[in-house]
Amino acid sequence: MRLRHRFAYYLIGFTMGLFFVTAMFIGKDTRCNYFPNARVLNDLRNKPFQYSDRAEQILSEKWMDSTDIKNTLTYGDVDFDKSNIAVGNGKRYIIEGKTTKNQAIILEVVNYPEKAVLTNITKQ
């Protein structure tokens, strides 16, 4: 068999394989969170999110809003050196991010098995 024919058979099989893999994953909400930072942020985003009284007080100061919190929970960096500390039956995480005005902020979130609670917001 010539090289041309082998290459053609390979391309036909490869194309059919891509078609089946694409058909299998279309419409499914699949995520590939391999790294610890992505896993923690994904877990916090998928739980019911609540604000403590202190966090609501800081949000009422109007230097940041809930959009900044959502962006930080999506694109922020978890500081694992200061995080993963047991608080009751949850774990505390320190997440560094930025506001829409490009101001650095730090969120302190306690991750309980059934919910996530934002306890403090700090300017950097």
C-alpha atoms as a PDB file:
ATOM      1  CA  MET A   1       0.000   0.000   0.000  1.00  0.00           C
ATOM      2  CA  ARG A   2       1.332   3.381  -0.942  1.00  0.00           C
ATOM      3  CA  LEU A   3       2.012   6.119   1.528  1.00  0.00           C
ATOM      4  CA  ARG A   4      -0.761   8.220  -0.038  1.00  0.00           C
ATOM      5  CA  HIS A   5      -3.349   5.534   0.650  1.00  0.00           C
ATOM      6  CA  ARG A   6      -2.176   5.006   4.213  1.00  0.00           C
ATOM      7  CA  PHE A   7      -2.337   8.735   4.852  1.00  0.00           C
ATOM      8  CA  ALA A   8      -5.841   8.926   3.341  1.00  0.00           C
ATOM      9  CA  TYR A   9      -7.065   6.056   5.566  1.00  0.00           C
ATOM     10  CA  TYR A  10      -5.514   7.736   8.581  1.00  0.00           C
ATOM     11  CA  LEU A  11      -7.242  11.053   7.828  1.00  0.00           C
ATOM     12  CA  ILE A  12     -10.609   9.329   7.304  1.00  0.00           C
ATOM     13  CA  GLY A  13     -10.325   7.510  10.633  1.00  0.00           C
ATOM     14  CA  PHE A  14      -9.099  10.601  12.438  1.00  0.00           C
ATOM     15  CA  THR A  15     -12.001  12.672  11.068  1.00  0.00           C
ATOM     16  CA  MET A  16     -14.549  10.044  12.095  1.00  0.00           C
ATOM     17  CA  GLY A  17     -13.018   9.908  15.583  1.00  0.00           C
ATOM     18  CA  LEU A  18     -13.202  13.685  15.947  1.00  0.00           C
ATOM     19  CA  PHE A  19     -16.827  13.583  14.856  1.00  0.00           C
ATOM     20  CA  PHE A  20     -17.741  10.998  17.511  1.00  0.00           C
ATOM     21  CA  VAL A  21     -15.848  12.742  20.302  1.00  0.00           C
ATOM     22  CA  THR A  22     -17.434  16.084  19.389  1.00  0.00           C
ATOM     23  CA  ALA A  23     -20.908  14.536  19.257  1.00  0.00           C
ATOM     24  CA  MET A  24     -20.363  12.975  22.674  1.00  0.00           C
ATOM     25  CA  PHE A  25     -19.364  16.225  24.431  1.00  0.00           C
ATOM     26  CA  ILE A  26     -21.707  18.736  22.755  1.00  0.00           C
ATOM     27  CA  GLY A  27     -24.376  19.948  25.145  1.00  0.00           C
ATOM     28  CA  LYS A  28     -22.645  18.654  28.252  1.00  0.00           C
ATOM     29  CA  ASP A  29     -21.283  20.971  30.893  1.00  0.00           C
ATOM     30  CA  THR A  30     -17.789  19.498  31.016  1.00  0.00           C
ATOM     31  CA  ARG A  31     -14.916  21.211  32.786  1.00  0.00           C
ATOM     32  CA  CYS A  32     -11.291  20.272  33.138  1.00  0.00           C
ATOM     33  CA  ASN A  33     -10.221  21.637  36.502  1.00  0.00           C
ATOM     34  CA  TYR A  34      -6.906  19.914  36.990  1.00  0.00           C
ATOM     35  CA  PHE A  35      -5.147  22.462  39.177  1.00  0.00           C
ATOM     36  CA  PRO A  36      -6.001  23.152  42.838  1.00  0.00           C
ATOM     37  CA  ASN A  37      -6.679  26.856  42.234  1.00  0.00           C
ATOM     38  CA  ALA A  38      -9.284  26.086  39.551  1.00  0.00           C
ATOM     39  CA  ARG A  39     -10.915  23.354  41.665  1.00  0.00           C
ATOM     40  CA  VAL A  40     -11.329  25.605  44.714  1.00  0.00           C
ATOM     41  CA  LEU A  41     -12.727  28.528  42.707  1.00  0.00           C
ATOM     42  CA  ASN A  42     -15.111  26.228  40.821  1.00  0.00           C
ATOM     43  CA  ASP A  43     -16.346  24.710  44.074  1.00  0.00           C
ATOM     44  CA  LEU A  44     -16.965  28.175  45.569  1.00  0.00           C
ATOM     45  CA  ARG A  45     -18.834  29.373  42.471  1.00  0.00           C
ATOM     46  CA  ASN A  46     -21.125  26.333  42.316  1.00  0.00           C
ATOM     47  CA  LYS A  47     -22.360  26.544  45.918  1.00  0.00           C
ATOM     48  CA  PRO A  48     -24.973  28.935  47.310  1.00  0.00           C
ATOM     49  CA  PHE A  49     -23.002  32.088  48.095  1.00  0.00           C
ATOM     50  CA  GLN A  50     -23.773  34.241  51.133  1.00  0.00           C
ATOM     51  CA  TYR A  51     -22.347  37.455  52.582  1.00  0.00           C
ATOM     52  CA  SER A  52     -21.538  38.025  56.233  1.00  0.00           C
ATOM     53  CA  ASP A  53     -22.614  41.253  57.962  1.00  0.00           C
ATOM     54  CA  ARG A  54     -19.074  42.611  57.702  1.00  0.00           C
ATOM     55  CA  ALA A  55     -18.919  41.884  53.953  1.00  0.00           C
ATOM     56  CA  GLU A  56     -22.302  43.556  53.364  1.00  0.00           C
ATOM     57  CA  GLN A  57     -21.067  46.598  55.280  1.00  0.00           C
ATOM     58  CA  ILE A  58     -17.960  46.807  53.060  1.00  0.00           C
ATOM     59  CA  LEU A  59     -20.084  46.376  49.904  1.00  0.00           C
ATOM     60  CA  SER A  60     -22.278  49.280  51.038  1.00  0.00           C
ATOM     61  CA  GLU A  61     -19.211  51.570  50.955  1.00  0.00           C
ATOM     62  CA  LYS A  62     -19.546  51.513  47.117  1.00  0.00           C
ATOM     63  CA  TRP A  63     -15.846  51.171  46.254  1.00  0.00           C
ATOM     64  CA  MET A  64     -16.603  47.705  44.866  1.00  0.00           C
ATOM     65  CA  ASP A  65     -19.673  45.658  43.962  1.00  0.00           C
ATOM     66  CA  SER A  66     -20.801  42.071  43.491  1.00  0.00           C
ATOM     67  CA  THR A  67     -19.427  41.998  39.926  1.00  0.00           C
ATOM     68  CA  ASP A  68     -15.918  42.396  41.341  1.00  0.00           C
ATOM     69  CA  ILE A  69     -16.558  39.475  43.693  1.00  0.00           C
ATOM     70  CA  LYS A  70     -17.799  37.268  40.836  1.00  0.00           C
ATOM     71  CA  ASN A  71     -14.770  38.184  38.714  1.00  0.00           C
ATOM     72  CA  THR A  72     -12.418  37.429  41.602  1.00  0.00           C
ATOM     73  CA  LEU A  73     -14.083  34.048  42.139  1.00  0.00           C
ATOM     74  CA  THR A  74     -13.607  33.338  38.430  1.00  0.00           C
ATOM     75  CA  TYR A  75     -10.134  34.735  37.720  1.00  0.00           C
ATOM     76  CA  GLY A  76      -8.589  35.160  41.188  1.00  0.00           C
ATOM     77  CA  ASP A  77      -5.642  33.399  42.777  1.00  0.00           C
ATOM     78  CA  VAL A  78      -6.031  31.336  45.943  1.00  0.00           C
ATOM     79  CA  ASP A  79      -3.226  31.894  48.449  1.00  0.00           C
ATOM     80  CA  PHE A  80      -2.802  28.352  49.764  1.00  0.00           C
ATOM     81  CA  ASP A  81      -0.128  29.398  52.285  1.00  0.00           C
ATOM     82  CA  LYS A  82      -2.755  31.380  54.215  1.00  0.00           C
ATOM     83  CA  SER A  83      -5.736  29.218  53.259  1.00  0.00           C
ATOM     84  CA  ASN A  84      -7.171  25.786  54.002  1.00  0.00           C
ATOM     85  CA  ILE A  85      -7.556  26.560  57.713  1.00  0.00           C
ATOM     86  CA  ALA A  86     -10.425  24.830  59.512  1.00  0.00           C
ATOM     87  CA  VAL A  87     -13.179  27.191  60.696  1.00  0.00           C
ATOM     88  CA  GLY A  88     -15.961  25.229  62.383  1.00  0.00           C
ATOM     89  CA  ASN A  89     -16.950  22.589  59.843  1.00  0.00           C
ATOM     90  CA  GLY A  90     -15.624  24.632  56.886  1.00  0.00           C
ATOM     91  CA  LYS A  91     -12.315  25.798  55.452  1.00  0.00           C
ATOM     92  CA  ARG A  92     -11.121  29.375  55.046  1.00  0.00           C
ATOM     93  CA  TYR A  93      -9.678  30.463  51.703  1.00  0.00           C
ATOM     94  CA  ILE A  94      -7.865  33.729  50.909  1.00  0.00           C
ATOM     95  CA  ILE A  95      -8.428  34.794  47.286  1.00  0.00           C
ATOM     96  CA  GLU A  96      -6.541  37.649  45.638  1.00  0.00           C
ATOM     97  CA  GLY A  97      -8.121  39.512  42.746  1.00  0.00           C
ATOM     98  CA  LYS A  98      -8.820  42.914  41.219  1.00  0.00           C
ATOM     99  CA  THR A  99     -11.823  45.193  40.902  1.00  0.00           C
ATOM    100  CA  THR A 100     -13.074  46.605  37.610  1.00  0.00           C
ATOM    101  CA  LYS A 101     -11.077  49.750  38.495  1.00  0.00           C
ATOM    102  CA  ASN A 102      -7.915  47.590  38.645  1.00  0.00           C
ATOM    103  CA  GLN A 103      -7.584  47.891  42.419  1.00  0.00           C
ATOM    104  CA  ALA A 104      -6.170  44.835  44.203  1.00  0.00           C
ATOM    105  CA  ILE A 105      -8.525  43.173  46.706  1.00  0.00           C
ATOM    106  CA  ILE A 106      -8.396  40.163  48.992  1.00  0.00           C
ATOM    107  CA  LEU A 107     -11.497  38.060  49.695  1.00  0.00           C
ATOM    108  CA  GLU A 108     -11.776  35.830  52.729  1.00  0.00           C
ATOM    109  CA  VAL A 109     -14.258  33.028  52.019  1.00  0.00           C
ATOM    110  CA  VAL A 110     -15.264  30.167  54.305  1.00  0.00           C
ATOM    111  CA  ASN A 111     -16.209  27.052  52.336  1.00  0.00           C
ATOM    112  CA  TYR A 112     -18.781  24.919  54.154  1.00  0.00           C
ATOM    113  CA  PRO A 113     -20.047  21.603  52.734  1.00  0.00           C
ATOM    114  CA  GLU A 114     -23.409  23.139  51.809  1.00  0.00           C
ATOM    115  CA  LYS A 115     -22.562  26.833  51.186  1.00  0.00           C
ATOM    116  CA  ALA A 116     -19.806  29.422  50.821  1.00  0.00           C
ATOM    117  CA  VAL A 117     -19.726  32.568  52.994  1.00  0.00           C
ATOM    118  CA  LEU A 118     -17.770  35.729  52.164  1.00  0.00           C
ATOM    119  CA  THR A 119     -16.551  36.941  55.548  1.00  0.00           C
ATOM    120  CA  ASN A 120     -14.205  39.826  54.745  1.00  0.00           C
ATOM    121  CA  ILE A 121     -13.011  42.063  51.890  1.00  0.00           C
ATOM    122  CA  THR A 122      -9.716  43.938  52.115  1.00  0.00           C
ATOM    123  CA  LYS A 123      -8.066  46.542  49.872  1.00  0.00           C
ATOM    124  CA  GLN A 124      -4.438  45.913  49.133  1.00  0.00           C
END
